């Protein structure tokens, strides 16, 4: 059995779920974790952030219910309104980090979300992945090269496809996958204790 974490780096609820994911992973070091990206902001939804008028209300709710922090750098992006969230670019970045440190993909997913939601860094720019890689002690040149490579486009498309194949319809979603059996452990919001109870019911 393995855990599969489907998230979108530009999803505020995924940001709020990061501490739960971190706790679940720390409690179950024996369980492999696969991190895959969804495509919330692709195609016609790839527009300036000001087009999503509900963002600030949603963030306030996420902060209240999960304790997630939204930093000044992110607040400046919201105030300016011109930033474009691009889930395909973020998925390429996740793939690049995953390639560099596959056993740390859950940790690095949370790091990326903090880079955006706290520091206000663009997940479409190579400089962000260079900083994240350097801070994580990874080969930053290799991560940037992977982010900019054609293979990263394929990896992003593969992630979107895998989410669809697993029946993921919202983010974040945490699944237990055992052969052909797929069980939802969390959708949107859950505590580590709630995830543990659902995991225990599978054994």
N, C-alpha and C. Protein backbone atom coordinates (compact mmCIF):
# COMPACT_ATOMS: atom_id res chain seq x y z
N UNK A 1 0.84 -1.19 0.00
CA UNK A 1 0.00 0.00 0.00
C UNK A 1 0.88 1.25 0.00
N UNK A 2 0.39 2.28 -0.66
CA UNK A 2 1.08 3.57 -0.62
C UNK A 2 0.05 4.68 -0.48
N UNK A 3 0.53 5.83 -0.05
CA UNK A 3 -0.30 7.02 -0.01
C UNK A 3 -0.09 7.79 -1.30
N UNK A 4 -1.17 8.32 -1.84
CA UNK A 4 -1.07 9.20 -3.00
C UNK A 4 -1.71 10.53 -2.60
N UNK A 5 -0.92 11.58 -2.69
CA UNK A 5 -1.39 12.92 -2.33
C UNK A 5 -1.58 13.72 -3.61
N UNK A 6 -2.83 14.05 -3.90
CA UNK A 6 -3.14 14.87 -5.07
C UNK A 6 -3.45 16.29 -4.60
N UNK A 7 -2.71 17.24 -5.10
CA UNK A 7 -2.87 18.62 -4.67
C UNK A 7 -2.61 19.55 -5.83
N UNK A 8 -2.95 20.81 -5.64
CA UNK A 8 -2.56 21.84 -6.59
C UNK A 8 -1.81 22.90 -5.79
N UNK A 9 -0.63 23.24 -6.25
CA UNK A 9 0.20 24.18 -5.49
C UNK A 9 -0.45 25.55 -5.37
N UNK A 10 -1.41 25.85 -6.24
CA UNK A 10 -2.13 27.12 -6.17
C UNK A 10 -3.49 26.98 -5.48
N UNK A 11 -3.67 25.89 -4.74
CA UNK A 11 -4.93 25.64 -4.02
C UNK A 11 -4.74 25.99 -2.54
N UNK A 12 -5.51 26.97 -2.05
CA UNK A 12 -5.40 27.39 -0.66
C UNK A 12 -5.73 26.27 0.32
N UNK A 13 -6.70 25.42 -0.02
CA UNK A 13 -7.03 24.31 0.87
C UNK A 13 -5.89 23.30 0.95
N UNK A 14 -5.15 23.14 -0.16
CA UNK A 14 -3.96 22.28 -0.12
C UNK A 14 -2.92 22.88 0.81
N UNK A 15 -2.76 24.20 0.76
CA UNK A 15 -1.85 24.88 1.68
C UNK A 15 -2.27 24.61 3.13
N UNK A 16 -3.56 24.68 3.39
CA UNK A 16 -4.05 24.42 4.74
C UNK A 16 -3.87 22.98 5.18
N UNK A 17 -3.81 22.07 4.23
CA UNK A 17 -3.67 20.64 4.54
C UNK A 17 -2.21 20.23 4.78
N UNK A 18 -1.27 21.09 4.40
CA UNK A 18 0.16 20.73 4.48
C UNK A 18 0.59 20.22 5.86
N UNK A 19 0.18 20.87 6.98
CA UNK A 19 0.60 20.34 8.28
C UNK A 19 0.05 18.94 8.56
N UNK A 20 -1.19 18.67 8.11
CA UNK A 20 -1.75 17.33 8.29
C UNK A 20 -0.94 16.32 7.51
N UNK A 21 -0.61 16.64 6.26
CA UNK A 21 0.19 15.73 5.45
C UNK A 21 1.53 15.46 6.11
N UNK A 22 2.17 16.53 6.60
CA UNK A 22 3.47 16.39 7.24
C UNK A 22 3.38 15.45 8.45
N UNK A 23 2.32 15.59 9.24
CA UNK A 23 2.14 14.75 10.42
C UNK A 23 1.85 13.30 10.04
N UNK A 24 1.01 13.10 9.03
CA UNK A 24 0.70 11.73 8.58
C UNK A 24 1.96 11.03 8.09
N UNK A 25 2.76 11.73 7.30
CA UNK A 25 4.00 11.15 6.77
C UNK A 25 4.96 10.81 7.91
N UNK A 26 5.04 11.67 8.92
CA UNK A 26 5.95 11.41 10.03
C UNK A 26 5.48 10.22 10.87
N UNK A 27 4.17 10.02 10.95
CA UNK A 27 3.63 8.89 11.72
C UNK A 27 3.76 7.56 10.99
N UNK A 28 3.90 7.62 9.67
CA UNK A 28 3.91 6.38 8.87
C UNK A 28 5.11 6.35 7.93
N UNK A 29 6.32 6.33 8.50
CA UNK A 29 7.51 6.36 7.66
C UNK A 29 7.65 5.13 6.75
N UNK A 30 6.88 4.08 7.08
CA UNK A 30 6.93 2.86 6.28
C UNK A 30 6.09 2.93 5.01
N UNK A 31 5.22 3.94 4.93
CA UNK A 31 4.33 4.06 3.77
C UNK A 31 4.94 4.97 2.72
N UNK A 32 5.18 4.46 1.50
CA UNK A 32 5.64 5.34 0.43
C UNK A 32 4.57 6.38 0.12
N UNK A 33 5.02 7.58 -0.26
CA UNK A 33 4.09 8.66 -0.60
C UNK A 33 4.39 9.13 -2.02
N UNK A 34 3.36 9.08 -2.85
CA UNK A 34 3.45 9.61 -4.21
C UNK A 34 2.70 10.94 -4.23
N UNK A 35 3.35 11.99 -4.71
CA UNK A 35 2.72 13.30 -4.80
C UNK A 35 2.45 13.61 -6.26
N UNK A 36 1.18 13.92 -6.56
CA UNK A 36 0.81 14.26 -7.93
C UNK A 36 0.05 15.59 -7.94
N UNK A 37 0.13 16.29 -9.06
CA UNK A 37 -0.46 17.62 -9.16
C UNK A 37 -1.75 17.60 -9.97
N UNK A 38 -2.67 18.42 -9.51
CA UNK A 38 -3.89 18.64 -10.27
C UNK A 38 -3.77 19.90 -11.12
N UNK A 39 -4.79 20.13 -11.92
CA UNK A 39 -4.76 21.27 -12.83
C UNK A 39 -5.92 22.22 -12.62
N UNK A 40 -5.95 22.87 -11.46
CA UNK A 40 -7.03 23.80 -11.16
C UNK A 40 -7.03 25.00 -12.09
N UNK A 41 -5.84 25.51 -12.38
CA UNK A 41 -5.73 26.75 -13.15
C UNK A 41 -5.00 26.50 -14.45
N UNK A 42 -5.74 25.96 -15.40
CA UNK A 42 -5.23 25.70 -16.74
C UNK A 42 -6.26 26.22 -17.73
N UNK A 43 -5.86 26.31 -18.99
CA UNK A 43 -6.80 26.73 -20.03
C UNK A 43 -7.43 28.07 -19.72
N UNK A 44 -8.76 28.13 -19.77
CA UNK A 44 -9.47 29.39 -19.60
C UNK A 44 -9.43 29.91 -18.17
N UNK A 45 -8.98 29.07 -17.22
CA UNK A 45 -8.87 29.52 -15.83
C UNK A 45 -7.50 30.12 -15.52
N UNK A 46 -6.66 30.19 -16.54
CA UNK A 46 -5.33 30.79 -16.36
C UNK A 46 -5.45 32.28 -16.63
N UNK A 47 -5.95 33.00 -15.65
CA UNK A 47 -6.24 34.44 -15.79
C UNK A 47 -5.70 35.17 -14.57
N UNK A 48 -5.60 36.50 -14.62
CA UNK A 48 -5.12 37.25 -13.45
C UNK A 48 -5.94 36.94 -12.21
N UNK A 49 -5.26 36.93 -11.08
CA UNK A 49 -5.86 36.51 -9.82
C UNK A 49 -7.05 37.40 -9.43
N UNK A 50 -7.07 38.63 -9.94
CA UNK A 50 -8.19 39.52 -9.62
C UNK A 50 -9.51 38.98 -10.18
N UNK A 51 -9.43 38.08 -11.17
CA UNK A 51 -10.65 37.51 -11.77
C UNK A 51 -11.37 36.58 -10.78
N UNK A 52 -10.65 36.11 -9.77
CA UNK A 52 -11.25 35.22 -8.78
C UNK A 52 -11.62 36.05 -7.54
N UNK A 53 -12.79 36.64 -7.58
CA UNK A 53 -13.17 37.60 -6.54
C UNK A 53 -13.35 37.00 -5.16
N UNK A 54 -13.46 35.68 -5.09
CA UNK A 54 -13.73 35.03 -3.80
C UNK A 54 -12.46 34.68 -3.04
N UNK A 55 -11.29 34.97 -3.60
CA UNK A 55 -10.03 34.48 -3.04
C UNK A 55 -9.83 34.89 -1.58
N UNK A 56 -10.02 36.16 -1.28
CA UNK A 56 -9.73 36.62 0.09
C UNK A 56 -10.70 36.02 1.11
N UNK A 57 -11.97 35.90 0.74
CA UNK A 57 -12.94 35.28 1.65
C UNK A 57 -12.58 33.81 1.88
N UNK A 58 -12.21 33.13 0.80
CA UNK A 58 -11.83 31.72 0.92
C UNK A 58 -10.59 31.57 1.79
N UNK A 59 -9.62 32.45 1.61
CA UNK A 59 -8.40 32.37 2.41
C UNK A 59 -8.68 32.61 3.89
N UNK A 60 -9.59 33.52 4.18
CA UNK A 60 -9.95 33.78 5.57
C UNK A 60 -10.57 32.53 6.20
N UNK A 61 -11.40 31.84 5.43
CA UNK A 61 -12.02 30.61 5.92
C UNK A 61 -10.98 29.51 6.12
N UNK A 62 -10.06 29.40 5.16
CA UNK A 62 -8.99 28.40 5.26
C UNK A 62 -8.14 28.67 6.51
N UNK A 63 -7.78 29.92 6.72
CA UNK A 63 -6.96 30.29 7.89
C UNK A 63 -7.69 29.96 9.18
N UNK A 64 -9.00 30.24 9.21
CA UNK A 64 -9.77 29.99 10.43
C UNK A 64 -9.89 28.50 10.72
N UNK A 65 -10.12 27.71 9.70
CA UNK A 65 -10.40 26.28 9.90
C UNK A 65 -9.14 25.42 9.99
N UNK A 66 -8.04 25.87 9.38
CA UNK A 66 -6.83 25.03 9.36
C UNK A 66 -5.65 25.66 10.09
N UNK A 67 -5.72 26.95 10.38
CA UNK A 67 -4.58 27.63 10.99
C UNK A 67 -3.52 28.04 9.99
N UNK A 68 -3.79 27.87 8.69
CA UNK A 68 -2.81 28.22 7.66
C UNK A 68 -2.50 29.71 7.70
N UNK A 69 -1.25 30.02 7.39
CA UNK A 69 -0.81 31.41 7.40
C UNK A 69 -0.64 31.91 5.98
N UNK A 70 -1.12 33.10 5.72
CA UNK A 70 -0.94 33.77 4.43
C UNK A 70 -0.09 35.00 4.70
N UNK A 71 1.06 35.06 4.04
CA UNK A 71 2.04 36.08 4.39
C UNK A 71 1.91 37.38 3.61
N UNK A 72 2.76 38.33 3.96
CA UNK A 72 2.71 39.66 3.35
C UNK A 72 3.06 39.62 1.86
N UNK A 73 3.99 38.75 1.49
CA UNK A 73 4.36 38.64 0.08
C UNK A 73 3.16 38.21 -0.76
N UNK A 74 2.41 37.26 -0.26
CA UNK A 74 1.21 36.80 -0.95
C UNK A 74 0.14 37.90 -0.96
N UNK A 75 -0.01 38.58 0.17
CA UNK A 75 -1.01 39.67 0.24
C UNK A 75 -0.73 40.73 -0.82
N UNK A 76 0.55 40.98 -1.09
CA UNK A 76 0.90 41.97 -2.11
C UNK A 76 0.46 41.49 -3.51
N UNK A 77 0.60 40.19 -3.76
CA UNK A 77 0.13 39.64 -5.03
C UNK A 77 -1.37 39.85 -5.21
N UNK A 78 -2.10 39.58 -4.13
CA UNK A 78 -3.56 39.75 -4.17
C UNK A 78 -3.92 41.22 -4.40
N UNK A 79 -3.24 42.10 -3.70
CA UNK A 79 -3.54 43.53 -3.82
C UNK A 79 -3.26 44.04 -5.23
N UNK A 80 -2.18 43.55 -5.83
CA UNK A 80 -1.84 43.97 -7.19
C UNK A 80 -2.83 43.38 -8.20
N UNK A 81 -3.15 42.10 -8.05
CA UNK A 81 -4.19 41.47 -8.85
C UNK A 81 -3.80 40.96 -10.21
N UNK A 82 -2.58 41.24 -10.68
CA UNK A 82 -2.22 40.86 -12.05
C UNK A 82 -1.57 39.49 -12.16
N UNK A 83 -1.21 38.91 -11.02
CA UNK A 83 -0.51 37.62 -11.04
C UNK A 83 -1.42 36.54 -11.63
N UNK A 84 -0.84 35.70 -12.49
CA UNK A 84 -1.59 34.61 -13.13
C UNK A 84 -1.17 33.28 -12.52
N UNK A 85 -2.11 32.58 -11.91
CA UNK A 85 -1.84 31.25 -11.38
C UNK A 85 -1.87 30.24 -12.53
N UNK A 86 -0.79 29.49 -12.67
CA UNK A 86 -0.64 28.56 -13.79
C UNK A 86 -0.30 27.18 -13.22
N UNK A 87 -1.31 26.32 -13.13
CA UNK A 87 -1.10 25.02 -12.50
C UNK A 87 -0.16 24.13 -13.30
N UNK A 88 -0.08 24.35 -14.61
CA UNK A 88 0.83 23.54 -15.41
C UNK A 88 2.28 23.85 -15.05
N UNK A 89 2.59 25.14 -14.90
CA UNK A 89 3.94 25.53 -14.50
C UNK A 89 4.28 24.98 -13.13
N UNK A 90 3.33 25.07 -12.19
CA UNK A 90 3.57 24.54 -10.85
C UNK A 90 3.79 23.03 -10.89
N UNK A 91 3.03 22.33 -11.72
CA UNK A 91 3.20 20.88 -11.84
C UNK A 91 4.57 20.53 -12.42
N UNK A 92 5.05 21.36 -13.34
CA UNK A 92 6.41 21.13 -13.87
C UNK A 92 7.43 21.29 -12.74
N UNK A 93 7.23 22.29 -11.90
CA UNK A 93 8.15 22.51 -10.79
C UNK A 93 8.12 21.38 -9.78
N UNK A 94 6.93 20.90 -9.47
CA UNK A 94 6.81 19.76 -8.55
C UNK A 94 7.52 18.55 -9.14
N UNK A 95 7.34 18.33 -10.44
CA UNK A 95 8.00 17.19 -11.09
C UNK A 95 9.52 17.32 -11.01
N UNK A 96 10.03 18.53 -11.18
CA UNK A 96 11.48 18.75 -11.12
C UNK A 96 12.02 18.47 -9.72
N UNK A 97 11.30 18.94 -8.69
CA UNK A 97 11.73 18.68 -7.31
C UNK A 97 11.58 17.20 -6.96
N UNK A 98 10.51 16.59 -7.44
CA UNK A 98 10.26 15.16 -7.18
C UNK A 98 11.38 14.31 -7.80
N UNK A 99 11.83 14.73 -8.97
CA UNK A 99 12.91 13.99 -9.63
C UNK A 99 14.21 14.10 -8.83
N UNK A 100 14.44 15.28 -8.26
CA UNK A 100 15.68 15.50 -7.51
C UNK A 100 15.67 14.79 -6.16
N UNK A 101 14.50 14.69 -5.54
CA UNK A 101 14.41 14.10 -4.19
C UNK A 101 13.07 13.38 -4.05
N UNK A 102 12.92 12.21 -4.69
CA UNK A 102 11.62 11.53 -4.70
C UNK A 102 11.11 11.17 -3.31
N UNK A 103 12.03 10.91 -2.38
CA UNK A 103 11.60 10.52 -1.03
C UNK A 103 11.20 11.73 -0.18
N UNK A 104 11.36 12.93 -0.72
CA UNK A 104 11.00 14.15 0.02
C UNK A 104 9.88 14.94 -0.67
N UNK A 105 9.16 14.28 -1.57
CA UNK A 105 8.20 15.01 -2.39
C UNK A 105 7.07 15.62 -1.56
N UNK A 106 6.64 14.95 -0.50
CA UNK A 106 5.57 15.51 0.34
C UNK A 106 6.07 16.77 1.07
N UNK A 107 7.27 16.68 1.60
CA UNK A 107 7.88 17.84 2.28
C UNK A 107 8.02 19.01 1.32
N UNK A 108 8.50 18.73 0.10
CA UNK A 108 8.77 19.80 -0.86
C UNK A 108 7.47 20.40 -1.41
N UNK A 109 6.41 19.62 -1.45
CA UNK A 109 5.09 20.16 -1.85
C UNK A 109 4.67 21.25 -0.86
N UNK A 110 4.85 20.98 0.43
CA UNK A 110 4.53 21.99 1.44
C UNK A 110 5.43 23.20 1.35
N UNK A 111 6.70 22.97 1.05
CA UNK A 111 7.65 24.08 0.90
C UNK A 111 7.24 25.00 -0.25
N UNK A 112 6.81 24.39 -1.35
CA UNK A 112 6.37 25.19 -2.51
C UNK A 112 5.15 26.03 -2.16
N UNK A 113 4.23 25.45 -1.40
CA UNK A 113 3.03 26.20 -1.05
C UNK A 113 3.37 27.38 -0.15
N UNK A 114 4.32 27.19 0.75
CA UNK A 114 4.75 28.32 1.59
C UNK A 114 5.43 29.38 0.75
N UNK A 115 6.19 28.96 -0.27
CA UNK A 115 6.86 29.93 -1.15
C UNK A 115 5.83 30.84 -1.80
N UNK A 116 4.68 30.29 -2.18
CA UNK A 116 3.65 31.10 -2.81
C UNK A 116 2.79 31.83 -1.78
N UNK A 117 2.21 31.08 -0.85
CA UNK A 117 1.19 31.64 0.05
C UNK A 117 1.76 32.48 1.19
N UNK A 118 3.03 32.31 1.49
CA UNK A 118 3.64 33.13 2.54
C UNK A 118 4.56 34.18 1.93
N UNK A 119 5.46 33.72 1.05
CA UNK A 119 6.47 34.63 0.51
C UNK A 119 6.03 35.35 -0.76
N UNK A 120 4.96 34.87 -1.40
CA UNK A 120 4.47 35.52 -2.61
C UNK A 120 5.35 35.29 -3.82
N UNK A 121 6.08 34.16 -3.85
CA UNK A 121 6.95 33.86 -4.99
C UNK A 121 6.14 33.19 -6.10
N UNK A 122 6.49 33.48 -7.33
CA UNK A 122 5.80 32.88 -8.48
C UNK A 122 6.25 31.44 -8.67
N UNK A 123 5.27 30.54 -8.83
CA UNK A 123 5.59 29.13 -9.10
C UNK A 123 5.72 28.88 -10.60
N UNK A 124 5.78 29.96 -11.36
CA UNK A 124 6.02 29.85 -12.80
C UNK A 124 7.45 30.22 -13.17
N UNK A 125 8.24 30.64 -12.19
CA UNK A 125 9.59 31.15 -12.47
C UNK A 125 10.67 30.21 -11.96
N UNK A 126 11.67 30.01 -12.79
CA UNK A 126 12.78 29.13 -12.44
C UNK A 126 13.48 29.58 -11.16
N UNK A 127 13.53 30.91 -10.93
CA UNK A 127 14.23 31.43 -9.74
C UNK A 127 13.62 30.89 -8.45
N UNK A 128 12.30 30.66 -8.45
CA UNK A 128 11.65 30.12 -7.25
C UNK A 128 12.13 28.71 -6.97
N UNK A 129 12.24 27.91 -8.01
CA UNK A 129 12.68 26.52 -7.82
C UNK A 129 14.16 26.46 -7.46
N UNK A 130 14.92 27.42 -7.96
CA UNK A 130 16.33 27.50 -7.55
C UNK A 130 16.43 27.77 -6.05
N UNK A 131 15.63 28.71 -5.57
CA UNK A 131 15.66 29.04 -4.14
C UNK A 131 15.19 27.86 -3.29
N UNK A 132 14.08 27.24 -3.69
CA UNK A 132 13.55 26.10 -2.93
C UNK A 132 14.58 24.97 -2.91
N UNK A 133 15.21 24.70 -4.04
CA UNK A 133 16.21 23.63 -4.11
C UNK A 133 17.42 23.95 -3.23
N UNK A 134 17.90 25.19 -3.31
CA UNK A 134 19.06 25.58 -2.49
C UNK A 134 18.73 25.46 -1.01
N UNK A 135 17.55 25.95 -0.61
CA UNK A 135 17.16 25.89 0.80
C UNK A 135 17.01 24.45 1.28
N UNK A 136 16.66 23.55 0.35
CA UNK A 136 16.47 22.14 0.72
C UNK A 136 17.75 21.31 0.58
N UNK A 137 18.83 21.97 0.15
CA UNK A 137 20.10 21.26 0.00
C UNK A 137 20.16 20.38 -1.24
N UNK A 138 19.37 20.73 -2.26
CA UNK A 138 19.36 19.95 -3.50
C UNK A 138 20.24 20.63 -4.54
N UNK A 139 20.49 19.91 -5.63
CA UNK A 139 21.26 20.46 -6.75
C UNK A 139 20.37 21.44 -7.50
N UNK A 140 20.54 22.72 -7.24
CA UNK A 140 19.65 23.73 -7.79
C UNK A 140 19.73 23.80 -9.31
N UNK A 141 20.94 23.64 -9.87
CA UNK A 141 21.08 23.68 -11.33
C UNK A 141 20.29 22.54 -11.97
N UNK A 142 20.35 21.37 -11.36
CA UNK A 142 19.63 20.21 -11.90
C UNK A 142 18.12 20.42 -11.81
N UNK A 143 17.67 21.00 -10.71
CA UNK A 143 16.23 21.24 -10.54
C UNK A 143 15.74 22.25 -11.57
N UNK A 144 16.47 23.34 -11.77
CA UNK A 144 16.07 24.35 -12.76
C UNK A 144 16.08 23.75 -14.17
N UNK A 145 17.10 22.96 -14.47
CA UNK A 145 17.17 22.33 -15.80
C UNK A 145 15.98 21.40 -16.01
N UNK A 146 15.61 20.66 -14.98
CA UNK A 146 14.47 19.75 -15.09
C UNK A 146 13.17 20.54 -15.25
N UNK A 147 13.03 21.65 -14.53
CA UNK A 147 11.83 22.50 -14.63
C UNK A 147 11.66 23.03 -16.05
N UNK A 148 12.77 23.37 -16.68
CA UNK A 148 12.72 24.00 -18.01
C UNK A 148 12.75 22.98 -19.15
N UNK A 149 12.85 21.70 -18.84
CA UNK A 149 12.99 20.68 -19.87
C UNK A 149 11.64 20.28 -20.47
N UNK A 150 11.63 19.78 -21.71
CA UNK A 150 10.38 19.29 -22.31
C UNK A 150 9.77 18.14 -21.50
N UNK A 151 10.62 17.36 -20.83
CA UNK A 151 10.11 16.23 -20.03
C UNK A 151 9.20 16.71 -18.91
N UNK A 152 9.43 17.93 -18.44
CA UNK A 152 8.59 18.46 -17.37
C UNK A 152 7.15 18.65 -17.85
N UNK A 153 6.98 19.03 -19.11
CA UNK A 153 5.64 19.16 -19.68
C UNK A 153 4.94 17.81 -19.67
N UNK A 154 5.67 16.77 -20.04
CA UNK A 154 5.10 15.42 -20.06
C UNK A 154 4.74 14.98 -18.65
N UNK A 155 5.61 15.31 -17.69
CA UNK A 155 5.35 14.91 -16.29
C UNK A 155 4.10 15.59 -15.77
N UNK A 156 3.91 16.87 -16.10
CA UNK A 156 2.71 17.59 -15.67
C UNK A 156 1.46 16.95 -16.26
N UNK A 157 1.51 16.64 -17.56
CA UNK A 157 0.37 16.00 -18.21
C UNK A 157 0.08 14.64 -17.60
N UNK A 158 1.14 13.90 -17.27
CA UNK A 158 0.97 12.59 -16.63
C UNK A 158 0.30 12.74 -15.27
N UNK A 159 0.68 13.77 -14.52
CA UNK A 159 0.07 14.00 -13.21
C UNK A 159 -1.43 14.29 -13.35
N UNK A 160 -1.77 15.17 -14.28
CA UNK A 160 -3.18 15.52 -14.48
C UNK A 160 -3.98 14.27 -14.86
N UNK A 161 -3.37 13.43 -15.70
CA UNK A 161 -4.03 12.19 -16.14
C UNK A 161 -4.22 11.23 -14.98
N UNK A 162 -3.17 11.13 -14.15
CA UNK A 162 -3.24 10.20 -13.01
C UNK A 162 -4.32 10.65 -12.02
N UNK A 163 -4.43 11.95 -11.79
CA UNK A 163 -5.51 12.45 -10.93
C UNK A 163 -6.87 12.00 -11.47
N UNK A 164 -7.05 12.15 -12.77
CA UNK A 164 -8.32 11.76 -13.39
C UNK A 164 -8.55 10.26 -13.26
N UNK A 165 -7.50 9.47 -13.50
CA UNK A 165 -7.63 8.01 -13.43
C UNK A 165 -7.99 7.54 -12.02
N UNK A 166 -7.51 8.29 -11.01
CA UNK A 166 -7.79 7.92 -9.62
C UNK A 166 -9.13 8.49 -9.13
N UNK A 167 -9.81 9.21 -10.00
CA UNK A 167 -11.11 9.75 -9.63
C UNK A 167 -11.05 10.98 -8.74
N UNK A 168 -9.91 11.68 -8.75
CA UNK A 168 -9.77 12.88 -7.93
C UNK A 168 -10.60 14.01 -8.55
N UNK A 169 -11.48 14.60 -7.74
CA UNK A 169 -12.33 15.67 -8.26
C UNK A 169 -12.12 16.99 -7.52
N UNK A 170 -11.27 17.00 -6.50
CA UNK A 170 -10.99 18.23 -5.76
C UNK A 170 -9.67 18.10 -5.03
N UNK A 171 -9.16 19.23 -4.59
CA UNK A 171 -7.84 19.26 -3.94
C UNK A 171 -7.95 19.95 -2.59
N UNK A 172 -7.18 19.44 -1.63
CA UNK A 172 -6.32 18.28 -1.68
C UNK A 172 -7.11 16.98 -1.50
N UNK A 173 -6.56 15.90 -2.02
CA UNK A 173 -7.12 14.56 -1.80
C UNK A 173 -5.98 13.64 -1.40
N UNK A 174 -6.15 12.92 -0.30
CA UNK A 174 -5.17 11.94 0.14
C UNK A 174 -5.80 10.56 0.01
N UNK A 175 -5.12 9.69 -0.73
CA UNK A 175 -5.65 8.36 -1.02
C UNK A 175 -4.71 7.29 -0.48
N UNK A 176 -5.30 6.15 -0.11
CA UNK A 176 -4.54 4.93 0.13
C UNK A 176 -4.75 4.05 -1.09
N UNK A 177 -3.67 3.68 -1.75
CA UNK A 177 -3.76 2.87 -2.96
C UNK A 177 -3.04 1.55 -2.70
N UNK A 178 -3.79 0.47 -2.84
CA UNK A 178 -3.24 -0.87 -2.60
C UNK A 178 -3.65 -1.74 -3.78
N UNK A 179 -2.74 -1.89 -4.74
CA UNK A 179 -3.10 -2.61 -5.96
C UNK A 179 -4.19 -1.84 -6.69
N UNK A 180 -5.31 -2.52 -6.93
CA UNK A 180 -6.43 -1.87 -7.61
C UNK A 180 -7.40 -1.19 -6.67
N UNK A 181 -7.13 -1.25 -5.37
CA UNK A 181 -8.03 -0.67 -4.38
C UNK A 181 -7.60 0.76 -4.05
N UNK A 182 -8.55 1.69 -4.16
CA UNK A 182 -8.28 3.10 -3.88
C UNK A 182 -9.27 3.58 -2.83
N UNK A 183 -8.75 4.06 -1.70
CA UNK A 183 -9.59 4.54 -0.60
C UNK A 183 -9.25 5.97 -0.27
N UNK A 184 -10.25 6.84 -0.21
CA UNK A 184 -10.03 8.23 0.16
C UNK A 184 -9.82 8.33 1.66
N UNK A 185 -8.70 8.91 2.07
CA UNK A 185 -8.40 9.14 3.48
C UNK A 185 -8.73 10.57 3.90
N UNK A 186 -8.68 11.48 2.95
CA UNK A 186 -9.00 12.89 3.25
C UNK A 186 -9.33 13.59 1.95
N UNK A 187 -10.35 14.46 2.04
CA UNK A 187 -10.67 15.33 0.92
C UNK A 187 -10.90 16.73 1.49
N UNK A 188 -10.09 17.67 1.06
CA UNK A 188 -10.28 19.05 1.49
C UNK A 188 -9.65 19.36 2.83
N UNK A 189 -10.16 18.70 3.86
CA UNK A 189 -9.68 19.02 5.21
C UNK A 189 -9.82 17.80 6.09
N UNK A 190 -8.81 17.53 6.92
CA UNK A 190 -8.86 16.43 7.88
C UNK A 190 -7.69 16.58 8.83
N UNK A 191 -7.83 16.01 10.01
CA UNK A 191 -6.71 15.98 10.95
C UNK A 191 -5.93 14.69 10.74
N UNK A 192 -4.71 14.67 11.26
CA UNK A 192 -3.90 13.46 11.16
C UNK A 192 -4.57 12.30 11.90
N UNK A 193 -5.25 12.59 13.00
CA UNK A 193 -5.95 11.53 13.75
C UNK A 193 -7.08 10.93 12.91
N UNK A 194 -7.80 11.78 12.19
CA UNK A 194 -8.87 11.27 11.32
C UNK A 194 -8.30 10.40 10.21
N UNK A 195 -7.18 10.81 9.63
CA UNK A 195 -6.54 10.00 8.60
C UNK A 195 -6.08 8.66 9.20
N UNK A 196 -5.53 8.71 10.40
CA UNK A 196 -5.07 7.49 11.06
C UNK A 196 -6.22 6.51 11.28
N UNK A 197 -7.36 7.02 11.69
CA UNK A 197 -8.52 6.13 11.91
C UNK A 197 -8.94 5.47 10.61
N UNK A 198 -8.92 6.22 9.52
CA UNK A 198 -9.30 5.63 8.24
C UNK A 198 -8.26 4.63 7.74
N UNK A 199 -7.01 4.92 8.03
CA UNK A 199 -5.94 3.97 7.67
C UNK A 199 -6.09 2.68 8.48
N UNK A 200 -6.35 2.83 9.77
CA UNK A 200 -6.48 1.65 10.64
C UNK A 200 -7.62 0.75 10.19
N UNK A 201 -8.67 1.36 9.65
CA UNK A 201 -9.83 0.57 9.20
C UNK A 201 -9.50 -0.29 7.98
N UNK A 202 -8.40 0.03 7.31
CA UNK A 202 -8.01 -0.73 6.12
C UNK A 202 -7.20 -1.98 6.47
N UNK A 203 -6.67 -2.02 7.70
CA UNK A 203 -5.78 -3.14 8.05
C UNK A 203 -6.54 -4.29 8.67
